Amino acid sequence: MAVDQFMTIQVCYPGVAEIIMRDVRVPLKCNVQEAIRLSGILLRSSEIDLEKQKVGVFGKLKALDAQLYPNDRVEIYRPLLADPMEARRRRALKQKK
């Protein structure tokens, strides 16, 4: 009886035009960077730069060489367009007026 040498994970990217979510079968000893490459998302979204963008698993920041486990969800984060504190301050001022 052969033991399955693969696992299924999900890779997500909230792109500018669309949200991409892919279920991917990867080797058991797969890391975050390899899973992203195997998902094909890098070919589909040219704006992704793993040297600059942060990645995580289930909302927790991870390094590209972090080990993955079955059913993990790898997330590629886009840079923030505005400082969250400044955006909140502007909304508060707008509501006062």
N, C-alpha and C. Protein backbone atom coordinates (compact mmCIF):
# COMPACT_ATOMS: atom_id res chain seq x y z
N MET A 1 0.84 -1.18 0.00
CA MET A 1 0.00 0.00 0.00
C MET A 1 0.89 1.25 0.00
N ALA A 2 0.77 2.09 -1.03
CA ALA A 2 1.61 3.28 -1.17
C ALA A 2 1.02 4.44 -0.36
N VAL A 3 1.89 5.17 0.28
CA VAL A 3 1.48 6.35 1.04
C VAL A 3 1.46 7.54 0.07
N ASP A 4 0.40 8.34 0.15
CA ASP A 4 0.29 9.51 -0.73
C ASP A 4 1.42 10.49 -0.42
N GLN A 5 2.17 10.88 -1.42
CA GLN A 5 3.31 11.78 -1.25
C GLN A 5 2.93 13.25 -1.54
N PHE A 6 1.64 13.51 -1.65
CA PHE A 6 1.17 14.85 -1.98
C PHE A 6 0.12 15.30 -0.98
N MET A 7 -0.09 16.61 -0.94
CA MET A 7 -1.14 17.20 -0.11
C MET A 7 -1.81 18.30 -0.92
N THR A 8 -2.99 18.69 -0.50
CA THR A 8 -3.70 19.78 -1.16
C THR A 8 -3.63 21.01 -0.27
N ILE A 9 -3.28 22.12 -0.89
CA ILE A 9 -3.27 23.42 -0.20
C ILE A 9 -4.00 24.41 -1.10
N GLN A 10 -4.23 25.60 -0.59
CA GLN A 10 -4.87 26.65 -1.39
C GLN A 10 -3.94 27.85 -1.44
N VAL A 11 -3.87 28.48 -2.61
CA VAL A 11 -3.08 29.70 -2.77
C VAL A 11 -4.04 30.81 -3.19
N CYS A 12 -3.99 31.95 -2.48
CA CYS A 12 -4.91 33.07 -2.71
C CYS A 12 -4.14 34.36 -2.98
N TYR A 13 -4.70 35.15 -3.88
CA TYR A 13 -4.13 36.48 -4.13
C TYR A 13 -5.27 37.44 -4.47
N PRO A 14 -5.45 38.51 -3.70
CA PRO A 14 -6.48 39.50 -4.01
C PRO A 14 -5.96 40.49 -5.04
N GLY A 15 -6.00 40.13 -6.29
CA GLY A 15 -5.47 40.97 -7.36
C GLY A 15 -6.28 42.24 -7.53
N VAL A 16 -5.79 43.12 -8.36
CA VAL A 16 -6.47 44.40 -8.62
C VAL A 16 -7.78 44.14 -9.36
N ALA A 17 -7.75 43.27 -10.36
CA ALA A 17 -8.93 43.02 -11.18
C ALA A 17 -9.80 41.88 -10.64
N GLU A 18 -9.20 40.92 -9.95
CA GLU A 18 -9.95 39.76 -9.48
C GLU A 18 -9.24 39.09 -8.31
N ILE A 19 -9.99 38.31 -7.56
CA ILE A 19 -9.40 37.51 -6.50
C ILE A 19 -9.12 36.13 -7.08
N ILE A 20 -7.89 35.68 -6.93
CA ILE A 20 -7.50 34.38 -7.46
C ILE A 20 -7.35 33.41 -6.30
N MET A 21 -8.04 32.28 -6.39
CA MET A 21 -7.93 31.22 -5.38
C MET A 21 -7.74 29.90 -6.13
N ARG A 22 -6.68 29.23 -5.80
CA ARG A 22 -6.37 27.97 -6.47
C ARG A 22 -6.12 26.86 -5.46
N ASP A 23 -6.77 25.73 -5.65
CA ASP A 23 -6.44 24.52 -4.90
C ASP A 23 -5.32 23.83 -5.66
N VAL A 24 -4.26 23.46 -4.96
CA VAL A 24 -3.07 22.91 -5.62
C VAL A 24 -2.60 21.66 -4.88
N ARG A 25 -2.26 20.63 -5.64
CA ARG A 25 -1.63 19.45 -5.04
C ARG A 25 -0.13 19.66 -5.13
N VAL A 26 0.50 19.59 -3.99
CA VAL A 26 1.94 19.84 -3.90
C VAL A 26 2.60 18.69 -3.15
N PRO A 27 3.91 18.52 -3.29
CA PRO A 27 4.61 17.49 -2.51
C PRO A 27 4.49 17.76 -1.01
N LEU A 28 4.54 16.71 -0.21
CA LEU A 28 4.43 16.85 1.24
C LEU A 28 5.46 17.79 1.84
N LYS A 29 6.66 17.82 1.33
CA LYS A 29 7.73 18.67 1.88
C LYS A 29 7.82 19.98 1.09
N CYS A 30 6.69 20.62 0.87
CA CYS A 30 6.64 21.84 0.06
C CYS A 30 6.69 23.07 0.96
N ASN A 31 7.36 24.13 0.47
CA ASN A 31 7.37 25.39 1.22
C ASN A 31 6.47 26.41 0.52
N VAL A 32 6.32 27.57 1.12
CA VAL A 32 5.41 28.60 0.63
C VAL A 32 5.78 29.03 -0.79
N GLN A 33 7.05 29.31 -1.04
CA GLN A 33 7.46 29.79 -2.35
C GLN A 33 7.20 28.75 -3.45
N GLU A 34 7.49 27.51 -3.17
CA GLU A 34 7.27 26.45 -4.16
C GLU A 34 5.77 26.28 -4.43
N ALA A 35 4.94 26.37 -3.41
CA ALA A 35 3.50 26.25 -3.59
C ALA A 35 2.96 27.38 -4.47
N ILE A 36 3.46 28.59 -4.25
CA ILE A 36 3.03 29.73 -5.08
C ILE A 36 3.44 29.50 -6.53
N ARG A 37 4.65 29.02 -6.74
CA ARG A 37 5.12 28.74 -8.10
C ARG A 37 4.26 27.67 -8.76
N LEU A 38 3.98 26.59 -8.04
CA LEU A 38 3.20 25.48 -8.60
C LEU A 38 1.75 25.87 -8.87
N SER A 39 1.25 26.88 -8.18
CA SER A 39 -0.14 27.30 -8.37
C SER A 39 -0.37 27.98 -9.72
N GLY A 40 0.68 28.54 -10.31
CA GLY A 40 0.55 29.26 -11.57
C GLY A 40 0.12 30.70 -11.42
N ILE A 41 -0.07 31.15 -10.19
CA ILE A 41 -0.52 32.53 -9.97
C ILE A 41 0.51 33.55 -10.45
N LEU A 42 1.78 33.23 -10.33
CA LEU A 42 2.82 34.17 -10.78
C LEU A 42 2.74 34.42 -12.28
N LEU A 43 2.33 33.42 -13.04
CA LEU A 43 2.19 33.58 -14.49
C LEU A 43 0.94 34.40 -14.84
N ARG A 44 -0.07 34.30 -13.99
CA ARG A 44 -1.33 34.97 -14.26
C ARG A 44 -1.34 36.43 -13.81
N SER A 45 -0.60 36.74 -12.77
CA SER A 45 -0.58 38.10 -12.21
C SER A 45 0.84 38.62 -12.20
N SER A 46 1.18 39.40 -13.18
CA SER A 46 2.55 39.91 -13.32
C SER A 46 2.90 40.95 -12.26
N GLU A 47 1.90 41.49 -11.54
CA GLU A 47 2.20 42.50 -10.52
C GLU A 47 2.77 41.91 -9.24
N ILE A 48 2.74 40.58 -9.10
CA ILE A 48 3.25 39.94 -7.88
C ILE A 48 4.77 39.94 -7.90
N ASP A 49 5.36 40.46 -6.82
CA ASP A 49 6.81 40.45 -6.65
C ASP A 49 7.10 39.89 -5.26
N LEU A 50 7.45 38.62 -5.20
CA LEU A 50 7.66 37.97 -3.91
C LEU A 50 8.85 38.52 -3.14
N GLU A 51 9.71 39.26 -3.81
CA GLU A 51 10.84 39.90 -3.12
C GLU A 51 10.36 41.08 -2.27
N LYS A 52 9.22 41.69 -2.66
CA LYS A 52 8.72 42.87 -1.97
C LYS A 52 7.44 42.60 -1.18
N GLN A 53 6.59 41.73 -1.69
CA GLN A 53 5.31 41.49 -1.05
C GLN A 53 5.42 40.46 0.07
N LYS A 54 4.57 40.63 1.07
CA LYS A 54 4.55 39.69 2.19
C LYS A 54 3.62 38.54 1.86
N VAL A 55 3.88 37.41 2.50
CA VAL A 55 3.04 36.22 2.34
C VAL A 55 2.71 35.68 3.71
N GLY A 56 1.66 34.88 3.77
CA GLY A 56 1.27 34.30 5.04
C GLY A 56 0.49 33.02 4.84
N VAL A 57 0.19 32.37 5.96
CA VAL A 57 -0.65 31.18 5.97
C VAL A 57 -1.75 31.44 6.99
N PHE A 58 -2.99 31.42 6.52
CA PHE A 58 -4.15 31.70 7.38
C PHE A 58 -3.99 33.00 8.16
N GLY A 59 -3.51 34.06 7.49
CA GLY A 59 -3.43 35.38 8.10
C GLY A 59 -2.21 35.64 8.97
N LYS A 60 -1.32 34.68 9.07
CA LYS A 60 -0.10 34.89 9.86
C LYS A 60 1.09 34.97 8.91
N LEU A 61 1.89 36.03 9.05
CA LEU A 61 3.04 36.21 8.18
C LEU A 61 3.98 35.02 8.27
N LYS A 62 4.49 34.62 7.11
CA LYS A 62 5.44 33.50 7.03
C LYS A 62 6.56 33.86 6.07
N ALA A 63 7.69 33.21 6.24
CA ALA A 63 8.80 33.35 5.30
C ALA A 63 8.52 32.48 4.09
N LEU A 64 9.16 32.81 2.97
CA LEU A 64 8.96 32.02 1.76
C LEU A 64 9.41 30.57 1.91
N ASP A 65 10.33 30.32 2.83
CA ASP A 65 10.82 28.95 3.01
C ASP A 65 10.08 28.19 4.12
N ALA A 66 8.97 28.75 4.61
CA ALA A 66 8.19 28.09 5.66
C ALA A 66 7.54 26.81 5.14
N GLN A 67 7.58 25.78 5.94
CA GLN A 67 7.00 24.47 5.61
C GLN A 67 5.47 24.56 5.60
N LEU A 68 4.85 23.90 4.63
CA LEU A 68 3.39 23.86 4.56
C LEU A 68 2.87 22.51 5.05
N TYR A 69 1.60 22.51 5.44
CA TYR A 69 0.93 21.31 5.92
C TYR A 69 -0.38 21.14 5.16
N PRO A 70 -0.93 19.93 5.13
CA PRO A 70 -2.17 19.70 4.38
C PRO A 70 -3.26 20.70 4.74
N ASN A 71 -3.95 21.17 3.72
CA ASN A 71 -5.09 22.10 3.82
C ASN A 71 -4.70 23.51 4.25
N ASP A 72 -3.42 23.87 4.23
CA ASP A 72 -3.01 25.26 4.51
C ASP A 72 -3.52 26.17 3.40
N ARG A 73 -3.73 27.45 3.74
CA ARG A 73 -4.09 28.46 2.75
C ARG A 73 -2.96 29.49 2.71
N VAL A 74 -2.24 29.52 1.61
CA VAL A 74 -1.15 30.47 1.40
C VAL A 74 -1.77 31.76 0.85
N GLU A 75 -1.41 32.89 1.45
CA GLU A 75 -1.95 34.18 1.03
C GLU A 75 -0.80 35.10 0.61
N ILE A 76 -0.98 35.73 -0.53
CA ILE A 76 -0.01 36.72 -1.02
C ILE A 76 -0.67 38.08 -0.79
N TYR A 77 -0.01 38.92 0.00
CA TYR A 77 -0.60 40.20 0.39
C TYR A 77 -0.16 41.33 -0.54
N ARG A 78 -1.11 42.18 -0.89
CA ARG A 78 -0.79 43.37 -1.67
C ARG A 78 -0.38 44.48 -0.72
N PRO A 79 0.46 45.41 -1.20
CA PRO A 79 0.82 46.55 -0.33
C PRO A 79 -0.41 47.42 -0.05
N LEU A 80 -0.44 48.03 1.12
CA LEU A 80 -1.54 48.93 1.46
C LEU A 80 -1.48 50.18 0.60
N LEU A 81 -2.64 50.65 0.17
CA LEU A 81 -2.70 51.86 -0.64
C LEU A 81 -2.70 53.11 0.23
N ALA A 82 -3.16 52.97 1.47
CA ALA A 82 -3.21 54.11 2.39
C ALA A 82 -2.88 53.61 3.79
N ASP A 83 -2.34 54.50 4.58
CA ASP A 83 -2.06 54.19 5.98
C ASP A 83 -3.39 54.00 6.70
N PRO A 84 -3.63 52.86 7.35
CA PRO A 84 -4.92 52.61 8.01
C PRO A 84 -5.29 53.66 9.06
N MET A 85 -4.31 54.14 9.81
CA MET A 85 -4.59 55.16 10.83
C MET A 85 -5.03 56.47 10.18
N GLU A 86 -4.38 56.84 9.10
CA GLU A 86 -4.73 58.08 8.42
C GLU A 86 -6.12 57.95 7.78
N ALA A 87 -6.42 56.81 7.20
CA ALA A 87 -7.73 56.59 6.59
C ALA A 87 -8.84 56.68 7.65
N ARG A 88 -8.59 56.11 8.81
CA ARG A 88 -9.57 56.16 9.90
C ARG A 88 -9.77 57.60 10.38
N ARG A 89 -8.68 58.35 10.49
CA ARG A 89 -8.75 59.74 10.91
C ARG A 89 -9.60 60.55 9.91
N ARG A 90 -9.41 60.31 8.63
CA ARG A 90 -10.18 61.03 7.60
C ARG A 90 -11.66 60.69 7.68
N ARG A 91 -11.98 59.40 7.89
CA ARG A 91 -13.39 59.00 8.00
C ARG A 91 -14.03 59.65 9.22
N ALA A 92 -13.30 59.71 10.33
CA ALA A 92 -13.84 60.32 11.54
C ALA A 92 -14.13 61.81 11.32
N LEU A 93 -13.21 62.51 10.66
CA LEU A 93 -13.43 63.92 10.37
C LEU A 93 -14.61 64.12 9.44
N LYS A 94 -14.76 63.25 8.48
CA LYS A 94 -15.85 63.34 7.52
C LYS A 94 -17.20 63.13 8.21
N GLN A 95 -17.25 62.19 9.16
CA GLN A 95 -18.50 61.92 9.88
C GLN A 95 -18.88 63.08 10.81
N LYS A 96 -17.89 63.80 11.35
CA LYS A 96 -18.18 64.93 12.23
C LYS A 96 -18.85 66.09 11.47
N LYS A 97 -18.47 66.21 10.19
CA LYS A 97 -19.01 67.32 9.38
C LYS A 97 -20.38 67.02 8.92
